[in-house]
Amino acid sequence: MADNQISITISPEDKAAIDTSLETLKTKLQPYLIALSADERHALPKMSDKTISFVDKALIYASSNPEFAPPYLNKSELSKDVTAVETLNGFSKQLAQITTGLDDTIMLAGSEAYVAALSYYNSVKEAARRDIVNAKPVYEDLKQRFPQRSKKQEPAPVQ
């Protein structure tokens, strides 16, 4: 078995503080968040890292050379949208780092737990095979995780 690479215990106090912080984060962000359908997401032109500088320059030019702005362009809203993107991107990048760390930690801890559980399962399976007392009911319960695969049946001959 591989070395144990992770061994953490989150104290009840830390868990409560993290839960409170997450709830505060959700409460504070919720008024600013929008939910889009898959179709809406697909239909929207996307602003990515490559387009940020284009949008920033367009905002600067729209302010310094307003004679080229179409009459329907609301420069104030453009400016608000650019600021919102900058602010929300900052939040998103910080949260992505946290999420990646959480995902990796969950994966490693889960992997170690699963490998340990498989080790126990194989041991109890062997004990049940040897008719060791009390092993059979434990094995019968745990083996439900691994349903028997039915053998492929020969196809019926075509007549």
N, C-alpha and C. Protein backbone atom coordinates (compact mmCIF):
# COMPACT_ATOMS: atom_id res chain seq x y z
N MET A 1 0.86 -1.19 0.00
CA MET A 1 0.00 0.00 0.00
C MET A 1 0.89 1.24 0.00
N ALA A 2 0.51 2.25 -0.73
CA ALA A 2 1.27 3.50 -0.83
C ALA A 2 1.26 4.24 0.50
N ASP A 3 2.26 5.09 0.66
CA ASP A 3 2.31 5.91 1.88
C ASP A 3 1.09 6.79 1.97
N ASN A 4 0.68 7.05 3.19
CA ASN A 4 -0.44 7.95 3.43
C ASN A 4 0.05 9.37 3.16
N GLN A 5 -0.50 10.01 2.14
CA GLN A 5 -0.05 11.34 1.74
C GLN A 5 -0.87 12.46 2.36
N ILE A 6 -2.00 12.09 2.95
CA ILE A 6 -2.87 13.12 3.52
C ILE A 6 -3.46 12.61 4.82
N SER A 7 -3.45 13.47 5.81
CA SER A 7 -4.04 13.13 7.10
C SER A 7 -4.49 14.44 7.73
N ILE A 8 -5.73 14.80 7.48
CA ILE A 8 -6.22 16.08 7.99
C ILE A 8 -7.46 15.86 8.85
N THR A 9 -7.62 16.71 9.81
CA THR A 9 -8.83 16.77 10.61
C THR A 9 -9.19 18.24 10.74
N ILE A 10 -10.37 18.58 10.27
CA ILE A 10 -10.83 19.97 10.35
C ILE A 10 -11.60 20.10 11.65
N SER A 11 -11.14 20.99 12.50
CA SER A 11 -11.77 21.15 13.81
C SER A 11 -13.20 21.67 13.65
N PRO A 12 -14.07 21.36 14.61
CA PRO A 12 -15.43 21.89 14.54
C PRO A 12 -15.46 23.43 14.48
N GLU A 13 -14.52 24.07 15.16
CA GLU A 13 -14.46 25.54 15.14
C GLU A 13 -14.10 26.05 13.74
N ASP A 14 -13.09 25.41 13.11
CA ASP A 14 -12.71 25.82 11.76
C ASP A 14 -13.84 25.54 10.77
N LYS A 15 -14.48 24.39 10.90
CA LYS A 15 -15.60 24.05 10.00
C LYS A 15 -16.71 25.09 10.14
N ALA A 16 -17.04 25.45 11.37
CA ALA A 16 -18.09 26.46 11.59
C ALA A 16 -17.69 27.81 11.00
N ALA A 17 -16.44 28.20 11.18
CA ALA A 17 -15.96 29.48 10.63
C ALA A 17 -15.98 29.46 9.10
N ILE A 18 -15.56 28.35 8.50
CA ILE A 18 -15.57 28.23 7.04
C ILE A 18 -17.01 28.26 6.53
N ASP A 19 -17.90 27.50 7.18
CA ASP A 19 -19.31 27.50 6.78
C ASP A 19 -19.90 28.90 6.85
N THR A 20 -19.59 29.63 7.91
CA THR A 20 -20.08 31.00 8.06
C THR A 20 -19.51 31.90 6.96
N SER A 21 -18.24 31.74 6.67
CA SER A 21 -17.62 32.55 5.61
C SER A 21 -18.22 32.24 4.24
N LEU A 22 -18.47 30.96 3.98
CA LEU A 22 -19.09 30.59 2.69
C LEU A 22 -20.50 31.15 2.60
N GLU A 23 -21.23 31.11 3.68
CA GLU A 23 -22.60 31.64 3.68
C GLU A 23 -22.56 33.15 3.46
N THR A 24 -21.61 33.84 4.09
CA THR A 24 -21.45 35.28 3.88
C THR A 24 -21.11 35.57 2.42
N LEU A 25 -20.20 34.78 1.86
CA LEU A 25 -19.82 34.95 0.46
C LEU A 25 -21.03 34.78 -0.45
N LYS A 26 -21.81 33.72 -0.24
CA LYS A 26 -23.01 33.50 -1.06
C LYS A 26 -24.00 34.64 -0.90
N THR A 27 -24.22 35.08 0.32
CA THR A 27 -25.17 36.16 0.59
C THR A 27 -24.73 37.46 -0.07
N LYS A 28 -23.44 37.77 0.02
CA LYS A 28 -22.92 39.02 -0.55
C LYS A 28 -22.89 39.00 -2.08
N LEU A 29 -22.60 37.84 -2.67
CA LEU A 29 -22.52 37.76 -4.13
C LEU A 29 -23.87 37.60 -4.80
N GLN A 30 -24.81 36.97 -4.14
CA GLN A 30 -26.09 36.62 -4.77
C GLN A 30 -26.79 37.77 -5.49
N PRO A 31 -26.84 38.97 -4.92
CA PRO A 31 -27.53 40.05 -5.63
C PRO A 31 -26.89 40.43 -6.97
N TYR A 32 -25.64 40.04 -7.17
CA TYR A 32 -24.93 40.42 -8.38
C TYR A 32 -24.85 39.30 -9.42
N LEU A 33 -25.30 38.13 -9.06
CA LEU A 33 -25.14 36.98 -9.94
C LEU A 33 -26.38 36.75 -10.80
N ILE A 34 -26.14 36.28 -12.00
CA ILE A 34 -27.18 36.00 -12.99
C ILE A 34 -27.12 34.51 -13.30
N ALA A 35 -28.27 33.91 -13.55
CA ALA A 35 -28.32 32.51 -13.99
C ALA A 35 -28.76 32.48 -15.44
N LEU A 36 -27.95 31.87 -16.28
CA LEU A 36 -28.26 31.76 -17.71
C LEU A 36 -28.59 30.31 -18.05
N SER A 37 -29.49 30.15 -19.00
CA SER A 37 -29.79 28.81 -19.50
C SER A 37 -28.64 28.39 -20.42
N ALA A 38 -28.59 27.12 -20.75
CA ALA A 38 -27.56 26.62 -21.67
C ALA A 38 -27.68 27.31 -23.03
N ASP A 39 -28.90 27.51 -23.49
CA ASP A 39 -29.10 28.19 -24.77
C ASP A 39 -28.62 29.64 -24.71
N GLU A 40 -28.92 30.33 -23.61
CA GLU A 40 -28.47 31.72 -23.46
C GLU A 40 -26.95 31.78 -23.44
N ARG A 41 -26.33 30.86 -22.72
CA ARG A 41 -24.86 30.84 -22.65
C ARG A 41 -24.26 30.62 -24.03
N HIS A 42 -24.87 29.73 -24.79
CA HIS A 42 -24.37 29.41 -26.12
C HIS A 42 -24.51 30.60 -27.08
N ALA A 43 -25.59 31.35 -26.95
CA ALA A 43 -25.89 32.43 -27.88
C ALA A 43 -25.06 33.70 -27.63
N LEU A 44 -24.54 33.86 -26.43
CA LEU A 44 -23.83 35.10 -26.11
C LEU A 44 -22.42 35.15 -26.71
N PRO A 45 -22.03 36.33 -27.24
CA PRO A 45 -20.62 36.51 -27.61
C PRO A 45 -19.80 36.45 -26.31
N LYS A 46 -18.65 35.81 -26.36
CA LYS A 46 -17.86 35.60 -25.15
C LYS A 46 -16.70 36.59 -25.06
N MET A 47 -16.49 37.11 -23.85
CA MET A 47 -15.34 37.96 -23.56
C MET A 47 -14.34 37.09 -22.81
N SER A 48 -13.16 36.91 -23.42
CA SER A 48 -12.12 36.10 -22.79
C SER A 48 -10.90 36.97 -22.51
N ASP A 49 -9.84 36.34 -22.05
CA ASP A 49 -8.62 37.08 -21.77
C ASP A 49 -8.13 37.85 -22.99
N LYS A 50 -8.30 37.27 -24.17
CA LYS A 50 -7.84 37.92 -25.40
C LYS A 50 -8.67 39.14 -25.75
N THR A 51 -9.95 39.16 -25.35
CA THR A 51 -10.82 40.28 -25.72
C THR A 51 -10.86 41.38 -24.66
N ILE A 52 -10.31 41.13 -23.50
CA ILE A 52 -10.35 42.13 -22.43
C ILE A 52 -9.64 43.41 -22.87
N SER A 53 -8.46 43.29 -23.44
CA SER A 53 -7.74 44.51 -23.85
C SER A 53 -8.50 45.25 -24.96
N PHE A 54 -9.14 44.52 -25.86
CA PHE A 54 -9.95 45.14 -26.91
C PHE A 54 -11.09 45.96 -26.29
N VAL A 55 -11.79 45.36 -25.33
CA VAL A 55 -12.92 46.04 -24.68
C VAL A 55 -12.42 47.25 -23.90
N ASP A 56 -11.29 47.08 -23.20
CA ASP A 56 -10.72 48.21 -22.46
C ASP A 56 -10.36 49.37 -23.39
N LYS A 57 -9.73 49.06 -24.51
CA LYS A 57 -9.36 50.10 -25.47
C LYS A 57 -10.60 50.76 -26.06
N ALA A 58 -11.61 49.96 -26.38
CA ALA A 58 -12.85 50.52 -26.94
C ALA A 58 -13.48 51.49 -25.95
N LEU A 59 -13.47 51.16 -24.66
CA LEU A 59 -14.02 52.05 -23.63
C LEU A 59 -13.21 53.36 -23.58
N ILE A 60 -11.90 53.25 -23.62
CA ILE A 60 -11.05 54.44 -23.60
C ILE A 60 -11.34 55.32 -24.83
N TYR A 61 -11.39 54.68 -26.00
CA TYR A 61 -11.65 55.45 -27.23
C TYR A 61 -13.06 56.04 -27.24
N ALA A 62 -14.03 55.31 -26.71
CA ALA A 62 -15.39 55.84 -26.68
C ALA A 62 -15.47 57.09 -25.81
N SER A 63 -14.62 57.14 -24.79
CA SER A 63 -14.59 58.34 -23.93
C SER A 63 -13.79 59.47 -24.55
N SER A 64 -12.65 59.11 -25.16
CA SER A 64 -11.79 60.17 -25.71
C SER A 64 -12.21 60.61 -27.12
N ASN A 65 -12.92 59.76 -27.82
CA ASN A 65 -13.39 60.10 -29.17
C ASN A 65 -14.88 59.77 -29.29
N PRO A 66 -15.71 60.49 -28.53
CA PRO A 66 -17.14 60.16 -28.49
C PRO A 66 -17.85 60.37 -29.84
N GLU A 67 -17.24 61.11 -30.76
CA GLU A 67 -17.89 61.36 -32.04
C GLU A 67 -18.07 60.07 -32.86
N PHE A 68 -17.29 59.02 -32.53
CA PHE A 68 -17.41 57.76 -33.27
C PHE A 68 -18.38 56.77 -32.62
N ALA A 69 -18.87 57.12 -31.44
CA ALA A 69 -19.80 56.22 -30.74
C ALA A 69 -21.18 56.30 -31.36
N PRO A 70 -21.79 55.13 -31.62
CA PRO A 70 -23.16 55.17 -32.15
C PRO A 70 -24.09 55.78 -31.11
N PRO A 71 -25.18 56.39 -31.54
CA PRO A 71 -26.07 57.07 -30.59
C PRO A 71 -26.71 56.13 -29.56
N TYR A 72 -26.80 54.86 -29.88
CA TYR A 72 -27.43 53.91 -28.96
C TYR A 72 -26.43 53.33 -27.94
N LEU A 73 -25.14 53.65 -28.06
CA LEU A 73 -24.13 53.15 -27.12
C LEU A 73 -24.23 53.90 -25.80
N ASN A 74 -24.46 53.19 -24.72
CA ASN A 74 -24.51 53.78 -23.39
C ASN A 74 -23.13 53.60 -22.76
N LYS A 75 -22.28 54.65 -22.85
CA LYS A 75 -20.91 54.57 -22.35
C LYS A 75 -20.85 54.31 -20.85
N SER A 76 -21.81 54.84 -20.13
CA SER A 76 -21.85 54.62 -18.69
C SER A 76 -22.05 53.13 -18.37
N GLU A 77 -22.96 52.48 -19.10
CA GLU A 77 -23.20 51.05 -18.89
C GLU A 77 -22.01 50.21 -19.35
N LEU A 78 -21.37 50.63 -20.44
CA LEU A 78 -20.16 49.94 -20.90
C LEU A 78 -19.10 49.98 -19.81
N SER A 79 -18.91 51.15 -19.23
CA SER A 79 -17.93 51.31 -18.16
C SER A 79 -18.28 50.45 -16.94
N LYS A 80 -19.56 50.44 -16.56
CA LYS A 80 -20.00 49.61 -15.44
C LYS A 80 -19.77 48.12 -15.71
N ASP A 81 -20.06 47.71 -16.95
CA ASP A 81 -19.86 46.29 -17.31
C ASP A 81 -18.39 45.91 -17.25
N VAL A 82 -17.52 46.79 -17.75
CA VAL A 82 -16.08 46.51 -17.72
C VAL A 82 -15.60 46.40 -16.27
N THR A 83 -16.03 47.31 -15.43
CA THR A 83 -15.64 47.27 -14.01
C THR A 83 -16.17 46.01 -13.34
N ALA A 84 -17.40 45.63 -13.67
CA ALA A 84 -17.98 44.41 -13.09
C ALA A 84 -17.18 43.18 -13.50
N VAL A 85 -16.80 43.12 -14.78
CA VAL A 85 -16.00 41.99 -15.26
C VAL A 85 -14.68 41.93 -14.51
N GLU A 86 -14.01 43.06 -14.37
CA GLU A 86 -12.72 43.10 -13.67
C GLU A 86 -12.87 42.62 -12.22
N THR A 87 -13.87 43.14 -11.53
CA THR A 87 -14.08 42.78 -10.13
C THR A 87 -14.45 41.31 -9.98
N LEU A 88 -15.42 40.85 -10.79
CA LEU A 88 -15.88 39.46 -10.69
C LEU A 88 -14.80 38.48 -11.13
N ASN A 89 -14.00 38.86 -12.14
CA ASN A 89 -12.87 38.01 -12.54
C ASN A 89 -11.88 37.83 -11.41
N GLY A 90 -11.64 38.89 -10.66
CA GLY A 90 -10.75 38.79 -9.50
C GLY A 90 -11.29 37.79 -8.48
N PHE A 91 -12.59 37.85 -8.21
CA PHE A 91 -13.21 36.89 -7.30
C PHE A 91 -13.10 35.48 -7.87
N SER A 92 -13.42 35.35 -9.14
CA SER A 92 -13.44 34.04 -9.79
C SER A 92 -12.07 33.37 -9.75
N LYS A 93 -11.02 34.13 -10.01
CA LYS A 93 -9.67 33.55 -9.99
C LYS A 93 -9.28 33.08 -8.60
N GLN A 94 -9.64 33.86 -7.58
CA GLN A 94 -9.35 33.44 -6.21
C GLN A 94 -10.13 32.17 -5.85
N LEU A 95 -11.41 32.15 -6.24
CA LEU A 95 -12.24 30.99 -5.95
C LEU A 95 -11.78 29.76 -6.73
N ALA A 96 -11.29 29.96 -7.95
CA ALA A 96 -10.79 28.83 -8.75
C ALA A 96 -9.59 28.18 -8.07
N GLN A 97 -8.71 28.99 -7.49
CA GLN A 97 -7.57 28.43 -6.76
C GLN A 97 -8.05 27.60 -5.58
N ILE A 98 -9.03 28.12 -4.86
CA ILE A 98 -9.58 27.39 -3.72
C ILE A 98 -10.26 26.11 -4.19
N THR A 99 -11.06 26.21 -5.25
CA THR A 99 -11.77 25.05 -5.76
C THR A 99 -10.81 23.97 -6.25
N THR A 100 -9.75 24.37 -6.93
CA THR A 100 -8.75 23.40 -7.39
C THR A 100 -8.10 22.70 -6.20
N GLY A 101 -7.75 23.46 -5.18
CA GLY A 101 -7.17 22.87 -3.98
C GLY A 101 -8.14 21.91 -3.29
N LEU A 102 -9.41 22.33 -3.22
CA LEU A 102 -10.42 21.44 -2.63
C LEU A 102 -10.57 20.16 -3.45
N ASP A 103 -10.68 20.30 -4.77
CA ASP A 103 -10.85 19.13 -5.63
C ASP A 103 -9.67 18.16 -5.49
N ASP A 104 -8.46 18.69 -5.49
CA ASP A 104 -7.27 17.84 -5.37
C ASP A 104 -7.22 17.14 -4.01
N THR A 105 -7.55 17.88 -2.95
CA THR A 105 -7.53 17.31 -1.61
C THR A 105 -8.60 16.24 -1.46
N ILE A 106 -9.79 16.51 -1.98
CA ILE A 106 -10.87 15.52 -1.94
C ILE A 106 -10.47 14.27 -2.72
N MET A 107 -9.86 14.47 -3.89
CA MET A 107 -9.45 13.33 -4.71
C MET A 107 -8.43 12.46 -3.99
N LEU A 108 -7.42 13.09 -3.40
CA LEU A 108 -6.38 12.33 -2.71
C LEU A 108 -6.94 11.62 -1.48
N ALA A 109 -7.69 12.34 -0.66
CA ALA A 109 -8.27 11.71 0.53
C ALA A 109 -9.23 10.58 0.15
N GLY A 110 -10.02 10.81 -0.89
CA GLY A 110 -10.95 9.78 -1.35
C GLY A 110 -10.21 8.56 -1.88
N SER A 111 -9.14 8.80 -2.62
CA SER A 111 -8.36 7.69 -3.16
C SER A 111 -7.75 6.86 -2.04
N GLU A 112 -7.18 7.53 -1.06
CA GLU A 112 -6.60 6.80 0.06
C GLU A 112 -7.65 6.02 0.83
N ALA A 113 -8.82 6.63 1.02
CA ALA A 113 -9.90 5.94 1.74
C ALA A 113 -10.38 4.73 0.94
N TYR A 114 -10.51 4.88 -0.37
CA TYR A 114 -10.99 3.78 -1.22
C TYR A 114 -9.98 2.63 -1.24
N VAL A 115 -8.69 2.95 -1.36
CA VAL A 115 -7.66 1.91 -1.36
C VAL A 115 -7.67 1.16 -0.03
N ALA A 116 -7.81 1.88 1.07
CA ALA A 116 -7.87 1.24 2.39
C ALA A 116 -9.11 0.36 2.51
N ALA A 117 -10.25 0.86 2.00
CA ALA A 117 -11.48 0.08 2.06
C ALA A 117 -11.37 -1.18 1.21
N LEU A 118 -10.74 -1.07 0.03
CA LEU A 118 -10.52 -2.26 -0.81
C LEU A 118 -9.63 -3.27 -0.12
N SER A 119 -8.63 -2.79 0.59
CA SER A 119 -7.75 -3.68 1.34
C SER A 119 -8.54 -4.44 2.40
N TYR A 120 -9.39 -3.72 3.12
CA TYR A 120 -10.24 -4.37 4.12
C TYR A 120 -11.18 -5.36 3.45
N TYR A 121 -11.79 -4.95 2.35
CA TYR A 121 -12.72 -5.82 1.62
C TYR A 121 -12.04 -7.12 1.19
N ASN A 122 -10.84 -7.01 0.63
CA ASN A 122 -10.12 -8.21 0.19
C ASN A 122 -9.78 -9.11 1.36
N SER A 123 -9.46 -8.52 2.50
CA SER A 123 -9.17 -9.30 3.69
C SER A 123 -10.41 -10.04 4.20
N VAL A 124 -11.54 -9.35 4.25
CA VAL A 124 -12.78 -9.98 4.73
C VAL A 124 -13.27 -11.02 3.71
N LYS A 125 -13.01 -10.77 2.43
CA LYS A 125 -13.37 -11.73 1.39
C LYS A 125 -12.61 -13.03 1.59
N GLU A 126 -11.33 -12.91 1.87
CA GLU A 126 -10.51 -14.10 2.13
C GLU A 126 -10.96 -14.80 3.41
N ALA A 127 -11.30 -14.02 4.42
CA ALA A 127 -11.79 -14.61 5.67
C ALA A 127 -13.10 -15.36 5.45
N ALA A 128 -13.98 -14.80 4.64
CA ALA A 128 -15.25 -15.48 4.34
C ALA A 128 -14.98 -16.75 3.53
N ARG A 129 -14.04 -16.71 2.62
CA ARG A 129 -13.69 -17.89 1.83
C ARG A 129 -13.18 -19.02 2.73
N ARG A 130 -12.54 -18.65 3.82
CA ARG A 130 -12.00 -19.63 4.76
C ARG A 130 -12.99 -19.98 5.88
N ASP A 131 -14.23 -19.48 5.75
CA ASP A 131 -15.29 -19.74 6.73
C ASP A 131 -14.94 -19.27 8.14
N ILE A 132 -14.29 -18.12 8.23
CA ILE A 132 -13.98 -17.55 9.53
C ILE A 132 -15.25 -16.91 10.08
N VAL A 133 -15.51 -17.13 11.36
CA VAL A 133 -16.74 -16.68 12.01
C VAL A 133 -16.95 -15.18 11.80
N ASN A 134 -18.18 -14.82 11.49
CA ASN A 134 -18.65 -13.45 11.30
C ASN A 134 -18.13 -12.75 10.04
N ALA A 135 -17.31 -13.41 9.26
CA ALA A 135 -16.79 -12.77 8.05
C ALA A 135 -17.82 -12.75 6.93
N LYS A 136 -18.60 -13.82 6.83
CA LYS A 136 -19.54 -13.96 5.70
C LYS A 136 -20.55 -12.81 5.63
N PRO A 137 -21.24 -12.41 6.73
CA PRO A 137 -22.21 -11.31 6.60
C PRO A 137 -21.55 -9.98 6.22
N VAL A 138 -20.35 -9.74 6.71
CA VAL A 138 -19.63 -8.51 6.35
C VAL A 138 -19.29 -8.54 4.86
N TYR A 139 -18.76 -9.67 4.42
CA TYR A 139 -18.42 -9.82 3.01
C TYR A 139 -19.66 -9.67 2.12
N GLU A 140 -20.75 -10.32 2.50
CA GLU A 140 -21.99 -10.25 1.71
C GLU A 140 -22.49 -8.81 1.58
N ASP A 141 -22.36 -8.05 2.66
CA ASP A 141 -22.79 -6.66 2.61
C ASP A 141 -21.87 -5.83 1.71
N LEU A 142 -20.57 -5.99 1.88
CA LEU A 142 -19.62 -5.18 1.12
C LEU A 142 -19.56 -5.57 -0.35
N LYS A 143 -19.78 -6.82 -0.67
CA LYS A 143 -19.64 -7.24 -2.07
C LYS A 143 -20.74 -6.66 -2.96
N GLN A 144 -21.77 -6.08 -2.37
CA GLN A 144 -22.82 -5.46 -3.18
C GLN A 144 -22.28 -4.31 -4.01
N ARG A 145 -21.16 -3.76 -3.61
CA ARG A 145 -20.51 -2.68 -4.38
C ARG A 145 -19.98 -3.20 -5.71
N PHE A 146 -19.74 -4.52 -5.78
CA PHE A 146 -19.17 -5.14 -6.97
C PHE A 146 -20.13 -6.19 -7.52
N PRO A 147 -21.20 -5.74 -8.18
CA PRO A 147 -22.15 -6.72 -8.70
C PRO A 147 -21.49 -7.63 -9.73
N GLN A 148 -21.91 -8.86 -9.71
CA GLN A 148 -21.37 -9.83 -10.67
C GLN A 148 -21.77 -9.42 -12.08
N ARG A 149 -20.84 -9.51 -12.95
CA ARG A 149 -21.14 -9.23 -14.36
C ARG A 149 -21.68 -10.52 -14.96
N SER A 150 -22.76 -10.35 -15.69
CA SER A 150 -23.30 -11.53 -16.34
C SER A 150 -22.42 -11.90 -17.51
N LYS A 151 -22.27 -13.19 -17.69
CA LYS A 151 -21.45 -13.65 -18.81
C LYS A 151 -22.21 -13.40 -20.10
N LYS A 152 -21.46 -13.07 -21.12
CA LYS A 152 -22.10 -12.80 -22.42
C LYS A 152 -22.72 -14.09 -22.92
N GLN A 153 -23.96 -13.99 -23.28
CA GLN A 153 -24.64 -15.16 -23.82
C GLN A 153 -24.46 -15.18 -25.33
N GLU A 154 -24.41 -16.39 -25.84
CA GLU A 154 -24.32 -16.55 -27.29
C GLU A 154 -25.59 -16.00 -27.91
N PRO A 155 -25.49 -15.23 -28.97
CA PRO A 155 -26.71 -14.75 -29.62
C PRO A 155 -27.48 -15.94 -30.20
N ALA A 156 -28.78 -15.81 -30.15
CA ALA A 156 -29.63 -16.88 -30.70
C ALA A 156 -29.41 -16.96 -32.20
N PRO A 157 -29.33 -18.16 -32.73
CA PRO A 157 -29.13 -18.28 -34.18
C PRO A 157 -30.29 -17.67 -34.95
N VAL A 158 -29.95 -17.02 -36.02
CA VAL A 158 -30.98 -16.40 -36.87
C VAL A 158 -31.55 -17.49 -37.78
N GLN A 159 -32.86 -17.55 -37.82
CA GLN A 159 -33.49 -18.59 -38.65
C GLN A 159 -34.05 -18.02 -39.92
